[in-house]
Amino acid sequence: LVFDTFKNKPVSRVPVGFWFHYTPNEILSAYDKPEMREQNI
């Protein structure tokens, strides 16, 4: 569905995509805050 949309092909429905950050403060470094990696996963 997504790759056909990328190619401007007709699709059965319009895909929907949203995203957000998964850690309390995403700008910090996982090397200072190792727990960020598991929070992200």
Full PDB file with SEQRES, HELIX, SHEET, SSBOND, CRYST1, ORIGX, SCALE, CONECT and MASTER records, all heavy atoms in Angstrom:
SEQRES   1 A   41  LEU VAL PHE ASP THR PHE LYS ASN LYS PRO VAL SER ARG          
SEQRES   2 A   41  VAL PRO VAL GLY PHE TRP PHE HIS TYR THR PRO ASN GLU          
SEQRES   3 A   41  ILE LEU SER ALA TYR ASP LYS PRO GLU MET ARG GLU GLN          
SEQRES   4 A   41  ASN ILE                                                      
HELIX    1 AA1 VAL A    2  PHE A    6  1                                   5    
HELIX    2 AA2 GLU A   35  ASN A   40  1                                   6    
CRYST1    1.000    1.000    1.000  90.00  90.00  90.00 P 1           1          
ORIGX1      1.000000  0.000000  0.000000        0.00000                         
ORIGX2      0.000000  1.000000  0.000000        0.00000                         
ORIGX3      0.000000  0.000000  1.000000        0.00000                         
SCALE1      1.000000  0.000000  0.000000        0.00000                         
SCALE2      0.000000  1.000000  0.000000        0.00000                         
SCALE3      0.000000  0.000000  1.000000        0.00000                         
ATOM      1  N   LEU A   1       0.833  -1.202   0.000  1.00  0.00           N  
ATOM      2  CA  LEU A   1       0.000   0.000   0.000  1.00  0.00           C  
ATOM      3  C   LEU A   1       0.871   1.257   0.000  1.00  0.00           C  
ATOM      4  O   LEU A   1       0.656   2.185  -0.798  1.00  0.00           O  
ATOM      5  CB  LEU A   1      -0.909  -0.007   1.225  1.00  0.00           C  
ATOM      6  CG  LEU A   1      -1.784   1.232   1.444  1.00  0.00           C  
ATOM      7  CD1 LEU A   1      -2.888   1.291   0.399  1.00  0.00           C  
ATOM      8  CD2 LEU A   1      -2.391   1.209   2.851  1.00  0.00           C  
ATOM      9  N   VAL A   2       1.862   1.300   0.870  1.00  0.00           N  
ATOM     10  CA  VAL A   2       2.726   2.484   0.992  1.00  0.00           C  
ATOM     11  C   VAL A   2       3.617   2.640  -0.230  1.00  0.00           C  
ATOM     12  O   VAL A   2       3.735   3.742  -0.799  1.00  0.00           O  
ATOM     13  CB  VAL A   2       3.561   2.408   2.286  1.00  0.00           C  
ATOM     14  CG1 VAL A   2       4.637   3.493   2.305  1.00  0.00           C  
ATOM     15  CG2 VAL A   2       2.657   2.544   3.497  1.00  0.00           C  
ATOM     16  N   PHE A   3       4.225   1.559  -0.674  1.00  0.00           N  
ATOM     17  CA  PHE A   3       5.148   1.674  -1.812  1.00  0.00           C  
ATOM     18  C   PHE A   3       4.397   1.996  -3.106  1.00  0.00           C  
ATOM     19  O   PHE A   3       4.927   2.700  -3.971  1.00  0.00           O  
ATOM     20  CB  PHE A   3       5.960   0.391  -1.964  1.00  0.00           C  
ATOM     21  CG  PHE A   3       6.913   0.143  -0.821  1.00  0.00           C  
ATOM     22  CD1 PHE A   3       7.336  -1.140  -0.506  1.00  0.00           C  
ATOM     23  CD2 PHE A   3       7.377   1.191  -0.043  1.00  0.00           C  
ATOM     24  CE1 PHE A   3       8.209  -1.366   0.544  1.00  0.00           C  
ATOM     25  CE2 PHE A   3       8.256   0.978   1.012  1.00  0.00           C  
ATOM     26  CZ  PHE A   3       8.669  -0.305   1.304  1.00  0.00           C  
ATOM     27  N   ASP A   4       3.170   1.488  -3.257  1.00  0.00           N  
ATOM     28  CA  ASP A   4       2.366   1.863  -4.429  1.00  0.00           C  
ATOM     29  C   ASP A   4       1.988   3.340  -4.362  1.00  0.00           C  
ATOM     30  O   ASP A   4       1.952   4.027  -5.399  1.00  0.00           O  
ATOM     31  CB  ASP A   4       1.104   1.002  -4.506  1.00  0.00           C  
ATOM     32  CG  ASP A   4       1.363  -0.383  -5.079  1.00  0.00           C  
ATOM     33  OD1 ASP A   4       2.491  -0.625  -5.555  1.00  0.00           O  
ATOM     34  OD2 ASP A   4       0.441  -1.230  -5.054  1.00  0.00           O  
ATOM     35  N   THR A   5       1.718   3.839  -3.169  1.00  0.00           N  
ATOM     36  CA  THR A   5       1.424   5.266  -3.013  1.00  0.00           C  
ATOM     37  C   THR A   5       2.636   6.099  -3.386  1.00  0.00           C  
ATOM     38  O   THR A   5       2.513   7.146  -4.045  1.00  0.00           O  
ATOM     39  CB  THR A   5       0.992   5.574  -1.564  1.00  0.00           C  
ATOM     40  OG1 THR A   5      -0.187   4.817  -1.261  1.00  0.00           O  
ATOM     41  CG2 THR A   5       0.683   7.050  -1.384  1.00  0.00           C  
ATOM     42  N   PHE A   6       3.819   5.657  -2.985  1.00  0.00           N  
ATOM     43  CA  PHE A   6       5.041   6.353  -3.367  1.00  0.00           C  
ATOM     44  C   PHE A   6       5.175   6.455  -4.885  1.00  0.00           C  
ATOM     45  O   PHE A   6       5.738   7.428  -5.403  1.00  0.00           O  
ATOM     46  CB  PHE A   6       6.267   5.600  -2.814  1.00  0.00           C  
ATOM     47  CG  PHE A   6       6.544   5.830  -1.356  1.00  0.00           C  
ATOM     48  CD1 PHE A   6       7.607   5.171  -0.746  1.00  0.00           C  
ATOM     49  CD2 PHE A   6       5.780   6.687  -0.586  1.00  0.00           C  
ATOM     50  CE1 PHE A   6       7.903   5.380   0.599  1.00  0.00           C  
ATOM     51  CE2 PHE A   6       6.049   6.892   0.755  1.00  0.00           C  
ATOM     52  CZ  PHE A   6       7.115   6.237   1.347  1.00  0.00           C  
ATOM     53  N   LYS A   7       4.674   5.442  -5.585  1.00  0.00           N  
ATOM     54  CA  LYS A   7       4.779   5.405  -7.053  1.00  0.00           C  
ATOM     55  C   LYS A   7       3.598   6.089  -7.734  1.00  0.00           C  
ATOM     56  O   LYS A   7       3.464   6.030  -8.957  1.00  0.00           O  
ATOM     57  CB  LYS A   7       4.859   3.952  -7.523  1.00  0.00           C  
ATOM     58  CG  LYS A   7       6.104   3.218  -7.051  1.00  0.00           C  
ATOM     59  CD  LYS A   7       6.039   1.745  -7.442  1.00  0.00           C  
ATOM     60  CE  LYS A   7       7.220   0.959  -6.895  1.00  0.00           C  
ATOM     61  NZ  LYS A   7       7.103  -0.494  -7.195  1.00  0.00           N  
ATOM     62  N   ASN A   8       2.726   6.728  -6.934  1.00  0.00           N  
ATOM     63  CA  ASN A   8       1.527   7.385  -7.469  1.00  0.00           C  
ATOM     64  C   ASN A   8       0.592   6.406  -8.174  1.00  0.00           C  
ATOM     65  O   ASN A   8      -0.108   6.765  -9.132  1.00  0.00           O  
ATOM     66  CB  ASN A   8       1.903   8.531  -8.425  1.00  0.00           C  
ATOM     67  CG  ASN A   8       2.386   9.759  -7.681  1.00  0.00           C  
ATOM     68  OD1 ASN A   8       1.709  10.272  -6.784  1.00  0.00           O  
ATOM     69  ND2 ASN A   8       3.559  10.245  -8.049  1.00  0.00           N  
ATOM     70  N   LYS A   9       0.580   5.164  -7.693  1.00  0.00           N  
ATOM     71  CA  LYS A   9      -0.348   4.177  -8.226  1.00  0.00           C  
ATOM     72  C   LYS A   9      -1.688   4.275  -7.503  1.00  0.00           C  
ATOM     73  O   LYS A   9      -1.745   4.703  -6.342  1.00  0.00           O  
ATOM     74  CB  LYS A   9       0.216   2.764  -8.045  1.00  0.00           C  
ATOM     75  CG  LYS A   9       1.404   2.425  -8.916  1.00  0.00           C  
ATOM     76  CD  LYS A   9       1.802   0.962  -8.715  1.00  0.00           C  
ATOM     77  CE  LYS A   9       2.923   0.544  -9.643  1.00  0.00           C  
ATOM     78  NZ  LYS A   9       3.279  -0.894  -9.461  1.00  0.00           N  
ATOM     79  N   PRO A  10      -2.783   3.889  -8.147  1.00  0.00           N  
ATOM     80  CA  PRO A  10      -4.071   3.837  -7.449  1.00  0.00           C  
ATOM     81  C   PRO A  10      -3.993   2.830  -6.302  1.00  0.00           C  
ATOM     82  O   PRO A  10      -3.387   1.763  -6.443  1.00  0.00           O  
ATOM     83  CB  PRO A  10      -5.050   3.358  -8.525  1.00  0.00           C  
ATOM     84  CG  PRO A  10      -4.374   3.665  -9.829  1.00  0.00           C  
ATOM     85  CD  PRO A  10      -2.905   3.522  -9.573  1.00  0.00           C  
ATOM     86  N   VAL A  11      -4.579   3.171  -5.162  1.00  0.00           N  
ATOM     87  CA  VAL A  11      -4.547   2.279  -3.996  1.00  0.00           C  
ATOM     88  C   VAL A  11      -5.961   2.105  -3.447  1.00  0.00           C  
ATOM     89  O   VAL A  11      -6.854   2.917  -3.696  1.00  0.00           O  
ATOM     90  CB  VAL A  11      -3.619   2.832  -2.893  1.00  0.00           C  
ATOM     91  CG1 VAL A  11      -2.166   2.731  -3.319  1.00  0.00           C  
ATOM     92  CG2 VAL A  11      -3.956   4.270  -2.547  1.00  0.00           C  
ATOM     93  N   SER A  12      -6.147   1.021  -2.695  1.00  0.00           N  
ATOM     94  CA  SER A  12      -7.471   0.707  -2.161  1.00  0.00           C  
ATOM     95  C   SER A  12      -7.920   1.698  -1.099  1.00  0.00           C  
ATOM     96  O   SER A  12      -9.111   1.912  -0.899  1.00  0.00           O  
ATOM     97  CB  SER A  12      -7.468  -0.710  -1.577  1.00  0.00           C  
ATOM     98  OG  SER A  12      -6.482  -0.832  -0.559  1.00  0.00           O  
ATOM     99  N   ARG A  13      -6.962   2.287  -0.387  1.00  0.00           N  
ATOM    100  CA  ARG A  13      -7.266   3.325   0.594  1.00  0.00           C  
ATOM    101  C   ARG A  13      -6.033   4.194   0.776  1.00  0.00           C  
ATOM    102  O   ARG A  13      -4.906   3.769   0.491  1.00  0.00           O  
ATOM    103  CB  ARG A  13      -7.683   2.722   1.931  1.00  0.00           C  
ATOM    104  CG  ARG A  13      -6.604   1.917   2.637  1.00  0.00           C  
ATOM    105  CD  ARG A  13      -7.074   1.409   3.989  1.00  0.00           C  
ATOM    106  NE  ARG A  13      -6.047   0.618   4.662  1.00  0.00           N  
ATOM    107  CZ  ARG A  13      -5.073   1.136   5.407  1.00  0.00           C  
ATOM    108  NH1 ARG A  13      -4.999   2.459   5.567  1.00  0.00           N  
ATOM    109  NH2 ARG A  13      -4.187   0.364   5.985  1.00  0.00           N  
ATOM    110  N   VAL A  14      -6.229   5.405   1.251  1.00  0.00           N  
ATOM    111  CA  VAL A  14      -5.122   6.323   1.472  1.00  0.00           C  
ATOM    112  C   VAL A  14      -4.400   5.935   2.766  1.00  0.00           C  
ATOM    113  O   VAL A  14      -5.034   5.831   3.824  1.00  0.00           O  
ATOM    114  CB  VAL A  14      -5.630   7.779   1.564  1.00  0.00           C  
ATOM    115  CG1 VAL A  14      -4.508   8.719   1.982  1.00  0.00           C  
ATOM    116  CG2 VAL A  14      -6.224   8.214   0.232  1.00  0.00           C  
ATOM    117  N   PRO A  15      -3.093   5.706   2.708  1.00  0.00           N  
ATOM    118  CA  PRO A  15      -2.361   5.360   3.937  1.00  0.00           C  
ATOM    119  C   PRO A  15      -2.336   6.530   4.920  1.00  0.00           C  
ATOM    120  O   PRO A  15      -2.478   7.697   4.539  1.00  0.00           O  
ATOM    121  CB  PRO A  15      -0.946   5.044   3.433  1.00  0.00           C  
ATOM    122  CG  PRO A  15      -1.064   4.893   1.956  1.00  0.00           C  
ATOM    123  CD  PRO A  15      -2.224   5.723   1.533  1.00  0.00           C  
ATOM    124  N   VAL A  16      -2.115   6.181   6.173  1.00  0.00           N  
ATOM    125  CA  VAL A  16      -2.050   7.175   7.245  1.00  0.00           C  
ATOM    126  C   VAL A  16      -0.762   6.933   8.030  1.00  0.00           C  
ATOM    127  O   VAL A  16      -0.453   5.791   8.383  1.00  0.00           O  
ATOM    128  CB  VAL A  16      -3.272   7.057   8.176  1.00  0.00           C  
ATOM    129  CG1 VAL A  16      -3.113   7.934   9.406  1.00  0.00           C  
ATOM    130  CG2 VAL A  16      -4.544   7.428   7.416  1.00  0.00           C  
ATOM    131  N   GLY A  17      -0.008   7.997   8.287  1.00  0.00           N  
ATOM    132  CA  GLY A  17       1.234   7.850   9.030  1.00  0.00           C  
ATOM    133  C   GLY A  17       1.459   8.978  10.023  1.00  0.00           C  
ATOM    134  O   GLY A  17       1.453  10.153   9.642  1.00  0.00           O  
ATOM    135  N   PHE A  18       1.625   8.633  11.280  1.00  0.00           N  
ATOM    136  CA  PHE A  18       1.950   9.611  12.321  1.00  0.00           C  
ATOM    137  C   PHE A  18       3.100   9.067  13.152  1.00  0.00           C  
ATOM    138  O   PHE A  18       3.322   7.859  13.219  1.00  0.00           O  
ATOM    139  CB  PHE A  18       0.739   9.865  13.230  1.00  0.00           C  
ATOM    140  CG  PHE A  18      -0.433  10.494  12.523  1.00  0.00           C  
ATOM    141  CD1 PHE A  18      -1.510   9.723  12.110  1.00  0.00           C  
ATOM    142  CD2 PHE A  18      -0.453  11.856  12.263  1.00  0.00           C  
ATOM    143  CE1 PHE A  18      -2.591  10.289  11.454  1.00  0.00           C  
ATOM    144  CE2 PHE A  18      -1.524  12.437  11.604  1.00  0.00           C  
ATOM    145  CZ  PHE A  18      -2.603  11.656  11.197  1.00  0.00           C  
ATOM    146  N   TRP A  19       3.832   9.965  13.814  1.00  0.00           N  
ATOM    147  CA  TRP A  19       4.965   9.525  14.632  1.00  0.00           C  
ATOM    148  C   TRP A  19       5.212  10.533  15.733  1.00  0.00           C  
ATOM    149  O   TRP A  19       4.793  11.681  15.667  1.00  0.00           O  
ATOM    150  CB  TRP A  19       6.220   9.365  13.766  1.00  0.00           C  
ATOM    151  CG  TRP A  19       6.415  10.501  12.825  1.00  0.00           C  
ATOM    152  CD1 TRP A  19       7.040  11.700  13.067  1.00  0.00           C  
ATOM    153  CD2 TRP A  19       5.946  10.579  11.464  1.00  0.00           C  
ATOM    154  NE1 TRP A  19       6.992  12.501  11.965  1.00  0.00           N  
ATOM    155  CE2 TRP A  19       6.323  11.840  10.956  1.00  0.00           C  
ATOM    156  CE3 TRP A  19       5.257   9.683  10.628  1.00  0.00           C  
ATOM    157  CZ2 TRP A  19       6.033  12.242   9.650  1.00  0.00           C  
ATOM    158  CZ3 TRP A  19       4.967  10.098   9.342  1.00  0.00           C  
ATOM    159  CH2 TRP A  19       5.353  11.355   8.868  1.00  0.00           C  
ATOM    160  N   PHE A  20       5.914  10.066  16.763  1.00  0.00           N  
ATOM    161  CA  PHE A  20       6.252  10.925  17.896  1.00  0.00           C  
ATOM    162  C   PHE A  20       7.456  10.313  18.599  1.00  0.00           C  
ATOM    163  O   PHE A  20       7.912   9.232  18.262  1.00  0.00           O  
ATOM    164  CB  PHE A  20       5.074  11.064  18.873  1.00  0.00           C  
ATOM    165  CG  PHE A  20       4.324   9.806  19.118  1.00  0.00           C  
ATOM    166  CD1 PHE A  20       4.757   8.875  20.045  1.00  0.00           C  
ATOM    167  CD2 PHE A  20       3.181   9.523  18.389  1.00  0.00           C  
ATOM    168  CE1 PHE A  20       4.074   7.707  20.264  1.00  0.00           C  
ATOM    169  CE2 PHE A  20       2.490   8.342  18.591  1.00  0.00           C  
ATOM    170  CZ  PHE A  20       2.927   7.428  19.527  1.00  0.00           C  
ATOM    171  N   HIS A  21       7.982  11.026  19.579  1.00  0.00           N  
ATOM    172  CA  HIS A  21       9.143  10.543  20.318  1.00  0.00           C  
ATOM    173  C   HIS A  21       8.692   9.654  21.471  1.00  0.00           C  
ATOM    174  O   HIS A  21       7.619   9.834  22.028  1.00  0.00           O  
ATOM    175  CB  HIS A  21       9.968  11.719  20.821  1.00  0.00           C  
ATOM    176  CG  HIS A  21      10.527  12.564  19.721  1.00  0.00           C  
ATOM    177  ND1 HIS A  21      11.564  12.136  18.921  1.00  0.00           N  
ATOM    178  CD2 HIS A  21      10.185  13.802  19.271  1.00  0.00           C  
ATOM    179  CE1 HIS A  21      11.831  13.070  18.027  1.00  0.00           C  
ATOM    180  NE2 HIS A  21      11.014  14.090  18.221  1.00  0.00           N  
ATOM    181  N   TYR A  22       9.557   8.713  21.832  1.00  0.00           N  
ATOM    182  CA  TYR A  22       9.190   7.710  22.829  1.00  0.00           C  
ATOM    183  C   TYR A  22       9.951   7.857  24.143  1.00  0.00           C  
ATOM    184  O   TYR A  22       9.801   7.023  25.027  1.00  0.00           O  
ATOM    185  CB  TYR A  22       9.440   6.308  22.259  1.00  0.00           C  
ATOM    186  CG  TYR A  22       8.633   6.024  21.010  1.00  0.00           C  
ATOM    187  CD1 TYR A  22       9.233   6.030  19.753  1.00  0.00           C  
ATOM    188  CD2 TYR A  22       7.271   5.756  21.092  1.00  0.00           C  
ATOM    189  CE1 TYR A  22       8.494   5.769  18.606  1.00  0.00           C  
ATOM    190  CE2 TYR A  22       6.528   5.496  19.955  1.00  0.00           C  
ATOM    191  CZ  TYR A  22       7.143   5.510  18.717  1.00  0.00           C  
ATOM    192  OH  TYR A  22       6.410   5.265  17.587  1.00  0.00           O  
ATOM    193  N   THR A  23      10.774   8.886  24.259  1.00  0.00           N  
ATOM    194  CA  THR A  23      11.543   9.100  25.480  1.00  0.00           C  
ATOM    195  C   THR A  23      11.145  10.432  26.104  1.00  0.00           C  
ATOM    196  O   THR A  23      10.662  11.323  25.404  1.00  0.00           O  
ATOM    197  CB  THR A  23      13.053   9.099  25.177  1.00  0.00           C  
ATOM    198  OG1 THR A  23      13.333  10.126  24.214  1.00  0.00           O  
ATOM    199  CG2 THR A  23      13.496   7.757  24.635  1.00  0.00           C  
ATOM    200  N   PRO A  24      11.346  10.592  27.425  1.00  0.00           N  
ATOM    201  CA  PRO A  24      10.941  11.836  28.086  1.00  0.00           C  
ATOM    202  C   PRO A  24      11.606  13.081  27.505  1.00  0.00           C  
ATOM    203  O   PRO A  24      10.980  14.137  27.397  1.00  0.00           O  
ATOM    204  CB  PRO A  24      11.360  11.612  29.543  1.00  0.00           C  
ATOM    205  CG  PRO A  24      11.343  10.130  29.717  1.00  0.00           C  
ATOM    206  CD  PRO A  24      11.811   9.581  28.401  1.00  0.00           C  
ATOM    207  N   ASN A  25      12.876  12.972  27.128  1.00  0.00           N  
ATOM    208  CA  ASN A  25      13.592  14.100  26.528  1.00  0.00           C  
ATOM    209  C   ASN A  25      14.493  13.559  25.431  1.00  0.00           C  
ATOM    210  O   ASN A  25      15.622  13.147  25.674  1.00  0.00           O  
ATOM    211  CB  ASN A  25      14.400  14.857  27.574  1.00  0.00           C  
ATOM    212  CG  ASN A  25      14.999  16.145  27.022  1.00  0.00           C  
ATOM    213  OD1 ASN A  25      15.013  16.369  25.813  1.00  0.00           O  
ATOM    214  ND2 ASN A  25      15.495  16.997  27.906  1.00  0.00           N  
ATOM    215  N   GLU A  26      13.976  13.561  24.210  1.00  0.00           N  
ATOM    216  CA  GLU A  26      14.645  12.898  23.098  1.00  0.00           C  
ATOM    217  C   GLU A  26      15.970  13.541  22.707  1.00  0.00           C  
ATOM    218  O   GLU A  26      16.802  12.924  22.051  1.00  0.00           O  
ATOM    219  CB  GLU A  26      13.715  12.849  21.883  1.00  0.00           C  
ATOM    220  CG  GLU A  26      13.320  14.198  21.300  1.00  0.00           C  
ATOM    221  CD  GLU A  26      12.137  14.849  22.001  1.00  0.00           C  
ATOM    222  OE1 GLU A  26      11.585  14.242  22.945  1.00  0.00           O  
ATOM    223  OE2 GLU A  26      11.757  15.969  21.604  1.00  0.00           O  
ATOM    224  N   ILE A  27      16.201  14.782  23.098  1.00  0.00           N  
ATOM    225  CA  ILE A  27      17.407  15.483  22.694  1.00  0.00           C  
ATOM    226  C   ILE A  27      18.623  15.029  23.497  1.00  0.00           C  
ATOM    227  O   ILE A  27      19.762  15.266  23.116  1.00  0.00           O  
ATOM    228  CB  ILE A  27      17.214  17.009  22.823  1.00  0.00           C  
ATOM    229  CG1 ILE A  27      18.245  17.760  21.964  1.00  0.00           C  
ATOM    230  CG2 ILE A  27      17.274  17.447  24.260  1.00  0.00           C  
ATOM    231  CD1 ILE A  27      18.046  17.599  20.488  1.00  0.00           C  
ATOM    232  N   LEU A  28      18.400  14.353  24.617  1.00  0.00           N  
ATOM    233  CA  LEU A  28      19.505  13.870  25.442  1.00  0.00           C  
ATOM    234  C   LEU A  28      20.213  12.699  24.752  1.00  0.00           C  
ATOM    235  O   LEU A  28      19.705  12.126  23.790  1.00  0.00           O  
ATOM    236  CB  LEU A  28      19.002  13.445  26.819  1.00  0.00           C  
ATOM    237  CG  LEU A  28      18.360  14.543  27.670  1.00  0.00           C  
ATOM    238  CD1 LEU A  28      17.877  13.974  28.991  1.00  0.00           C  
ATOM    239  CD2 LEU A  28      19.331  15.706  27.900  1.00  0.00           C  
ATOM    240  N   SER A  29      21.385  12.349  25.258  1.00  0.00           N  
ATOM    241  CA  SER A  29      22.169  11.273  24.661  1.00  0.00           C  
ATOM    242  C   SER A  29      21.976   9.965  25.410  1.00  0.00           C  
ATOM    243  O   SER A  29      21.987   9.929  26.649  1.00  0.00           O  
ATOM    244  CB  SER A  29      23.652  11.651  24.675  1.00  0.00           C  
ATOM    245  OG  SER A  29      24.454  10.545  24.306  1.00  0.00           O  
ATOM    246  N   ALA A  30      21.830   8.893  24.658  1.00  0.00           N  
ATOM    247  CA  ALA A  30      21.719   7.566  25.271  1.00  0.00           C  
ATOM    248  C   ALA A  30      23.015   7.156  25.953  1.00  0.00           C  
ATOM    249  O   ALA A  30      23.018   6.232  26.772  1.00  0.00           O  
ATOM    250  CB  ALA A  30      21.345   6.531  24.210  1.00  0.00           C  
ATOM    251  N   TYR A  31      24.111   7.847  25.642  1.00  0.00           N  
ATOM    252  CA  TYR A  31      25.380   7.547  26.306  1.00  0.00           C  
ATOM    253  C   TYR A  31      25.442   8.192  27.687  1.00  0.00           C  
ATOM    254  O   TYR A  31      26.231   7.779  28.535  1.00  0.00           O  
ATOM    255  CB  TYR A  31      26.545   7.988  25.425  1.00  0.00           C  
ATOM    256  CG  TYR A  31      26.518   7.264  24.101  1.00  0.00           C  
ATOM    257  CD1 TYR A  31      26.128   7.923  22.933  1.00  0.00           C  
ATOM    258  CD2 TYR A  31      26.803   5.908  24.027  1.00  0.00           C  
ATOM    259  CE1 TYR A  31      26.054   7.248  21.723  1.00  0.00           C  
ATOM    260  CE2 TYR A  31      26.732   5.220  22.830  1.00  0.00           C  
ATOM    261  CZ  TYR A  31      26.353   5.895  21.679  1.00  0.00           C  
ATOM    262  OH  TYR A  31      26.254   5.220  20.478  1.00  0.00           O  
ATOM    263  N   ASP A  32      24.603   9.186  27.905  1.00  0.00           N  
ATOM    264  CA  ASP A  32      24.450   9.774  29.236  1.00  0.00           C  
ATOM    265  C   ASP A  32      23.257   9.173  29.974  1.00  0.00           C  
ATOM    266  O   ASP A  32      23.252   9.083  31.202  1.00  0.00           O  
ATOM    267  CB  ASP A  32      24.257  11.294  29.130  1.00  0.00           C  
ATOM    268  CG  ASP A  32      25.463  11.995  28.527  1.00  0.00           C  
ATOM    269  OD1 ASP A  32      26.591  11.549  28.806  1.00  0.00           O  
ATOM    270  OD2 ASP A  32      25.272  12.961  27.762  1.00  0.00           O  
ATOM    271  N   LYS A  33      22.251   8.769  29.202  1.00  0.00           N  
ATOM    272  CA  LYS A  33      21.021   8.202  29.753  1.00  0.00           C  
ATOM    273  C   LYS A  33      20.759   6.851  29.085  1.00  0.00           C  
ATOM    274  O   LYS A  33      19.936   6.747  28.159  1.00  0.00           O  
ATOM    275  CB  LYS A  33      19.842   9.145  29.500  1.00  0.00           C  
ATOM    276  CG  LYS A  33      19.979  10.533  30.096  1.00  0.00           C  
ATOM    277  CD  LYS A  33      19.670  10.519  31.582  1.00  0.00           C  
ATOM    278  CE  LYS A  33      19.654  11.922  32.166  1.00  0.00           C  
ATOM    279  NZ  LYS A  33      19.380  11.904  33.616  1.00  0.00           N  
ATOM    280  N   PRO A  34      21.438   5.783  29.510  1.00  0.00           N  
ATOM    281  CA  PRO A  34      21.307   4.479  28.850  1.00  0.00           C  
ATOM    282  C   PRO A  34      19.880   3.944  28.801  1.00  0.00           C  
ATOM    283  O   PRO A  34      19.538   3.160  27.904  1.00  0.00           O  
ATOM    284  CB  PRO A  34      22.206   3.571  29.696  1.00  0.00           C  
ATOM    285  CG  PRO A  34      23.180   4.490  30.351  1.00  0.00           C  
ATOM    286  CD  PRO A  34      22.422   5.751  30.606  1.00  0.00           C  
ATOM    287  N   GLU A  35      19.037   4.363  29.755  1.00  0.00           N  
ATOM    288  CA  GLU A  35      17.657   3.883  29.776  1.00  0.00           C  
ATOM    289  C   GLU A  35      16.853   4.338  28.552  1.00  0.00           C  
ATOM    290  O   GLU A  35      15.803   3.774  28.238  1.00  0.00           O  
ATOM    291  CB  GLU A  35      16.957   4.336  31.056  1.00  0.00           C  
ATOM    292  CG  GLU A  35      16.754   5.833  31.206  1.00  0.00           C  
ATOM    293  CD  GLU A  35      17.928   6.558  31.868  1.00  0.00           C  
ATOM    294  OE1 GLU A  35      19.031   5.975  31.922  1.00  0.00           O  
ATOM    295  OE2 GLU A  35      17.737   7.694  32.320  1.00  0.00           O  
ATOM    296  N   MET A  36      17.352   5.364  27.844  1.00  0.00           N  
ATOM    297  CA  MET A  36      16.634   5.873  26.679  1.00  0.00           C  
ATOM    298  C   MET A  36      16.467   4.804  25.602  1.00  0.00           C  
ATOM    299  O   MET A  36      15.457   4.781  24.901  1.00  0.00           O  
ATOM    300  CB  MET A  36      17.353   7.092  26.095  1.00  0.00           C  
ATOM    301  CG  MET A  36      17.292   8.331  26.965  1.00  0.00           C  
ATOM    302  SD  MET A  36      18.158   9.730  26.201  1.00  0.00           S  
ATOM    303  CE  MET A  36      17.043  10.128  24.834  1.00  0.00           C  
ATOM    304  N   ARG A  37      17.455   3.958  25.453  1.00  0.00           N  
ATOM    305  CA  ARG A  37      17.394   2.945  24.396  1.00  0.00           C  
ATOM    306  C   ARG A  37      16.210   2.014  24.606  1.00  0.00           C  
ATOM    307  O   ARG A  37      15.422   1.770  23.677  1.00  0.00           O  
ATOM    308  CB  ARG A  37      18.696   2.158  24.343  1.00  0.00           C  
ATOM    309  CG  ARG A  37      18.750   1.163  23.183  1.00  0.00           C  
ATOM    310  CD  ARG A  37      20.070   0.419  23.182  1.00  0.00           C  
ATOM    311  NE  ARG A  37      20.120  -0.570  22.126  1.00  0.00           N  
ATOM    312  CZ  ARG A  37      20.619  -0.381  20.915  1.00  0.00           C  
ATOM    313  NH1 ARG A  37      21.112   0.800  20.586  1.00  0.00           N  
ATOM    314  NH2 ARG A  37      20.639  -1.357  20.011  1.00  0.00           N  
ATOM    315  N   GLU A  38      16.027   1.502  25.810  1.00  0.00           N  
ATOM    316  CA  GLU A  38      14.917   0.601  26.077  1.00  0.00           C  
ATOM    317  C   GLU A  38      13.590   1.340  26.016  1.00  0.00           C  
ATOM    318  O   GLU A  38      12.578   0.787  25.568  1.00  0.00           O  
ATOM    319  CB  GLU A  38      15.093  -0.076  27.430  1.00  0.00           C  
ATOM    320  CG  GLU A  38      14.017  -1.115  27.732  1.00  0.00           C  
ATOM    321  CD  GLU A  38      13.836  -2.141  26.622  1.00  0.00           C  
ATOM    322  OE1 GLU A  38      14.846  -2.625  26.065  1.00  0.00           O  
ATOM    323  OE2 GLU A  38      12.666  -2.451  26.288  1.00  0.00           O  
ATOM    324  N   GLN A  39      13.564   2.599  26.462  1.00  0.00           N  
ATOM    325  CA  GLN A  39      12.340   3.400  26.359  1.00  0.00           C  
ATOM    326  C   GLN A  39      11.941   3.560  24.898  1.00  0.00           C  
ATOM    327  O   GLN A  39      10.753   3.474  24.549  1.00  0.00           O  
ATOM    328  CB  GLN A  39      12.558   4.776  26.994  1.00  0.00           C  
ATOM    329  CG  GLN A  39      12.690   4.772  28.503  1.00  0.00           C  
ATOM    330  CD  GLN A  39      13.173   6.109  29.048  1.00  0.00           C  
ATOM    331  OE1 GLN A  39      13.682   6.965  28.313  1.00  0.00           O  
ATOM    332  NE2 GLN A  39      13.032   6.302  30.350  1.00  0.00           N  
ATOM    333  N   ASN A  40      12.913   3.786  24.059  1.00  0.00           N  
ATOM    334  CA  ASN A  40      12.659   3.963  22.633  1.00  0.00           C  
ATOM    335  C   ASN A  40      12.126   2.674  22.019  1.00  0.00           C  
ATOM    336  O   ASN A  40      11.124   2.676  21.280  1.00  0.00           O  
ATOM    337  CB  ASN A  40      13.955   4.400  21.946  1.00  0.00           C  
ATOM    338  CG  ASN A  40      13.732   5.004  20.574  1.00  0.00           C  
ATOM    339  OD1 ASN A  40      12.618   5.352  20.201  1.00  0.00           O  
ATOM    340  ND2 ASN A  40      14.801   5.145  19.814  1.00  0.00           N  
ATOM    341  N   ILE A  41      12.765   1.552  22.319  1.00  0.00           N  
ATOM    342  CA  ILE A  41      12.345   0.267  21.762  1.00  0.00           C  
ATOM    343  C   ILE A  41      10.943  -0.099  22.240  1.00  0.00           C  
ATOM    344  O   ILE A  41      10.065  -0.457  21.436  1.00  0.00           O  
ATOM    345  CB  ILE A  41      13.351  -0.837  22.139  1.00  0.00           C  
ATOM    346  CG1 ILE A  41      14.686  -0.609  21.420  1.00  0.00           C  
ATOM    347  CG2 ILE A  41      12.791  -2.224  21.798  1.00  0.00           C  
ATOM    348  CD1 ILE A  41      15.806  -1.517  21.885  1.00  0.00           C  
TER     349      ILE A  41                                                      
MASTER        0    0    0    2    0    0    0    6  348    1    0    4          
END                                                                             
